[in-house]
């Protein structure tokens, strides 16, 4: 089980490396990594488990955040009145995106960042993605809203990019032309 002590923090070199493509079939250690990433995210959304194990809540976790430079991440998002999104994405790619942008009105956070960083992080409002599951089957999804934002955040981790790299350093709350804020 992944715990907070297993998650590397900003400044760690693994967070700034471009992660390596994964080959199929997955090695047993890679299969376990997939399961562990998704398990952490699900557990982190359970108040009792957070308290018992000292977990910080999250909706996504990428392999580089546990010091493994592989193109793998997990997302688990439950939104009211919507079907939950619970995936492990291996070798994920955005194949198309909207011109329209969005951002989390309250700002983004990250399990690898132990401080609040204020500012708007521009993201595409809608994306179409392709990735592989643990068995090597390709899947394609259309995402919008919070799932689209979270997917882009985790994909950035695989490319050595932190969310705050997207924030305008001189004017963190500068309006993003044509962007519609996403309220959570």
Protein backbone atom coordinates (compact mmCIF):
# COMPACT_ATOMS: atom_id res chain seq x y z
CA UNK A 1 0.00 0.00 0.00
CA UNK A 2 1.35 3.42 -0.99
CA UNK A 3 1.55 5.88 1.90
CA UNK A 4 2.43 9.59 1.95
CA UNK A 5 6.04 8.69 2.82
CA UNK A 6 6.26 6.90 -0.57
CA UNK A 7 5.24 9.99 -2.56
CA UNK A 8 8.20 12.13 -3.61
CA UNK A 9 7.94 15.89 -3.13
CA UNK A 10 8.77 18.85 -5.33
CA UNK A 11 12.49 19.19 -5.84
CA UNK A 12 12.90 15.43 -6.33
CA UNK A 13 14.53 14.73 -9.73
CA UNK A 14 11.93 12.06 -10.68
CA UNK A 15 9.31 14.82 -10.98
CA UNK A 16 11.27 16.64 -13.70
CA UNK A 17 12.16 13.67 -15.93
CA UNK A 18 10.21 12.57 -18.98
CA UNK A 19 8.94 9.11 -18.04
CA UNK A 20 9.67 6.07 -20.21
CA UNK A 21 7.12 4.29 -22.41
CA UNK A 22 5.90 0.99 -20.99
CA UNK A 23 6.21 -2.27 -22.96
CA UNK A 24 3.63 -5.05 -22.93
CA UNK A 25 3.06 -7.49 -21.45
CA UNK A 26 3.57 -5.71 -18.16
CA UNK A 27 6.15 -7.09 -15.77
CA UNK A 28 4.70 -8.21 -12.40
CA UNK A 29 6.25 -5.14 -10.72
CA UNK A 30 4.46 -2.87 -13.24
CA UNK A 31 1.12 -4.64 -12.68
CA UNK A 32 1.56 -4.14 -8.93
CA UNK A 33 2.40 -0.47 -9.48
CA UNK A 34 -0.85 0.01 -11.46
CA UNK A 35 -2.89 -1.59 -8.67
CA UNK A 36 -1.09 0.40 -5.97
CA UNK A 37 -1.57 3.78 -7.68
CA UNK A 38 -5.32 3.22 -8.08
CA UNK A 39 -5.62 1.81 -4.56
CA UNK A 40 -3.97 4.93 -3.08
CA UNK A 41 -6.37 7.25 -4.90
CA UNK A 42 -9.44 5.26 -3.83
CA UNK A 43 -8.20 4.97 -0.23
CA UNK A 44 -7.39 8.70 -0.12
CA UNK A 45 -11.05 9.50 -0.77
CA UNK A 46 -12.16 7.53 2.31
CA UNK A 47 -12.10 9.77 5.40
CA UNK A 48 -11.55 6.85 7.79
CA UNK A 49 -8.58 5.47 5.81
CA UNK A 50 -7.10 8.98 5.44
CA UNK A 51 -7.16 9.41 9.19
CA UNK A 52 -5.88 5.90 9.96
CA UNK A 53 -2.97 6.00 7.47
CA UNK A 54 -2.27 9.76 7.30
CA UNK A 55 -3.22 10.02 3.62
CA UNK A 56 -3.83 13.26 1.76
CA UNK A 57 -6.88 13.12 -0.49
CA UNK A 58 -6.27 13.06 -4.23
CA UNK A 59 -7.96 12.18 -7.50
CA UNK A 60 -4.86 11.18 -9.47
CA UNK A 61 -1.40 9.75 -8.91
CA UNK A 62 1.36 9.23 -11.47
CA UNK A 63 4.23 6.71 -11.35
CA UNK A 64 6.92 9.46 -11.22
CA UNK A 65 5.32 10.65 -7.96
CA UNK A 66 6.38 7.36 -6.38
CA UNK A 67 9.85 7.62 -7.96
CA UNK A 68 9.12 5.28 -10.90
CA UNK A 69 9.87 6.83 -14.29
CA UNK A 70 7.17 5.00 -16.27
CA UNK A 71 4.27 6.42 -18.31
CA UNK A 72 1.53 5.21 -15.94
CA UNK A 73 -1.02 7.04 -13.84
CA UNK A 74 -4.29 6.35 -12.05
CA UNK A 75 -7.41 8.52 -11.79
CA UNK A 76 -10.44 7.99 -9.58
CA UNK A 77 -13.10 10.68 -9.73
CA UNK A 78 -16.63 10.44 -8.40
CA UNK A 79 -18.83 13.39 -9.28
CA UNK A 80 -22.42 13.81 -8.21
CA UNK A 81 -24.91 12.62 -10.84
CA UNK A 82 -22.13 11.33 -13.10
CA UNK A 83 -20.65 7.92 -13.77
CA UNK A 84 -17.39 7.54 -11.80
CA UNK A 85 -14.14 7.62 -13.73
CA UNK A 86 -11.73 5.04 -12.37
CA UNK A 87 -8.83 4.19 -14.68
CA UNK A 88 -5.20 3.25 -14.90
CA UNK A 89 -3.73 4.88 -18.01
CA UNK A 90 -0.56 3.40 -19.50
CA UNK A 91 1.29 5.30 -22.25
CA UNK A 92 -1.54 7.90 -22.34
CA UNK A 93 -1.86 10.54 -25.07
CA UNK A 94 -4.21 13.39 -25.87
CA UNK A 95 -5.27 12.81 -29.49
CA UNK A 96 -7.47 15.91 -29.80
CA UNK A 97 -8.59 18.81 -27.66
CA UNK A 98 -10.97 21.76 -27.66
CA UNK A 99 -9.86 25.27 -28.47
CA UNK A 100 -11.80 26.39 -25.39
CA UNK A 101 -9.88 26.36 -22.16
CA UNK A 102 -10.86 26.00 -18.53
CA UNK A 103 -9.22 26.12 -15.12
CA UNK A 104 -10.08 25.14 -11.56
CA UNK A 105 -11.43 28.32 -9.97
CA UNK A 106 -10.01 27.23 -6.59
CA UNK A 107 -6.63 26.35 -8.13
CA UNK A 108 -4.91 22.99 -8.47
CA UNK A 109 -3.09 21.00 -5.84
CA UNK A 110 -0.75 18.04 -5.97
CA UNK A 111 0.21 15.20 -3.64
CA UNK A 112 3.87 15.99 -4.40
CA UNK A 113 3.48 19.66 -3.37
CA UNK A 114 3.19 20.40 0.36
CA UNK A 115 2.28 24.06 -0.03
CA UNK A 116 -0.61 26.05 -1.44
CA UNK A 117 0.22 27.62 -4.77
CA UNK A 118 -2.22 30.24 -5.92
CA UNK A 119 -3.13 30.94 -9.50
CA UNK A 120 -5.03 29.69 -12.51
CA UNK A 121 -3.72 26.69 -14.43
CA UNK A 122 -5.02 26.80 -18.02
CA UNK A 123 -6.25 23.44 -19.32
CA UNK A 124 -8.23 22.29 -22.36
CA UNK A 125 -11.96 22.09 -21.59
CA UNK A 126 -12.48 18.88 -23.56
CA UNK A 127 -9.99 16.23 -24.60
CA UNK A 128 -10.03 12.92 -26.40
CA UNK A 129 -7.45 10.52 -25.06
CA UNK A 130 -5.96 7.16 -25.90
CA UNK A 131 -4.20 4.90 -23.43
CA UNK A 132 -3.69 1.25 -22.61
CA UNK A 133 -5.04 -0.77 -19.69
CA UNK A 134 -3.04 -3.31 -17.68
CA UNK A 135 -3.76 -6.07 -20.22
CA UNK A 136 -2.41 -3.98 -23.10
CA UNK A 137 -5.84 -3.13 -24.55
CA UNK A 138 -6.06 0.34 -26.04
CA UNK A 139 -8.99 2.48 -24.95
CA UNK A 140 -10.24 5.88 -26.03
CA UNK A 141 -12.23 8.34 -23.90
CA UNK A 142 -13.71 11.78 -24.30
CA UNK A 143 -13.28 13.79 -21.12
CA UNK A 144 -14.51 17.19 -20.00
CA UNK A 145 -14.64 19.15 -16.77
CA UNK A 146 -12.76 17.77 -13.77
CA UNK A 147 -11.75 14.46 -15.45
CA UNK A 148 -10.19 16.41 -18.37
CA UNK A 149 -8.33 18.73 -15.98
CA UNK A 150 -7.08 15.82 -13.84
CA UNK A 151 -5.97 13.81 -16.89
CA UNK A 152 -3.91 16.77 -18.14
CA UNK A 153 -2.39 17.28 -14.66
CA UNK A 154 -1.28 13.63 -14.47
CA UNK A 155 -0.06 13.58 -18.08
CA UNK A 156 2.11 16.59 -17.21
CA UNK A 157 3.76 14.48 -14.47
CA UNK A 158 4.80 11.97 -17.13
CA UNK A 159 6.48 14.81 -19.03
CA UNK A 160 8.34 16.31 -16.06
CA UNK A 161 5.95 19.26 -15.77
CA UNK A 162 4.46 20.52 -12.51
CA UNK A 163 1.05 22.24 -12.47
CA UNK A 164 2.53 25.52 -11.26
CA UNK A 165 4.71 25.70 -14.38
CA UNK A 166 1.51 26.77 -16.20
CA UNK A 167 0.67 29.63 -13.79
CA UNK A 168 1.52 33.15 -14.94
CA UNK A 169 4.30 34.04 -12.48
CA UNK A 170 3.73 37.80 -12.60
CA UNK A 171 -0.09 37.72 -12.45
CA UNK A 172 -1.24 34.33 -11.07
CA UNK A 173 -4.95 35.23 -11.33
CA UNK A 174 -4.70 36.78 -14.78
CA UNK A 175 -7.79 36.09 -16.84
CA UNK A 176 -7.29 33.31 -19.37
CA UNK A 177 -8.86 34.59 -22.63
CA UNK A 178 -11.97 32.62 -23.52
CA UNK A 179 -11.59 30.21 -20.59
CA UNK A 180 -14.54 29.16 -18.49
CA UNK A 181 -13.74 28.53 -14.82
CA UNK A 182 -14.62 25.07 -13.47
CA UNK A 183 -16.20 25.16 -10.02
CA UNK A 184 -15.82 22.03 -7.93
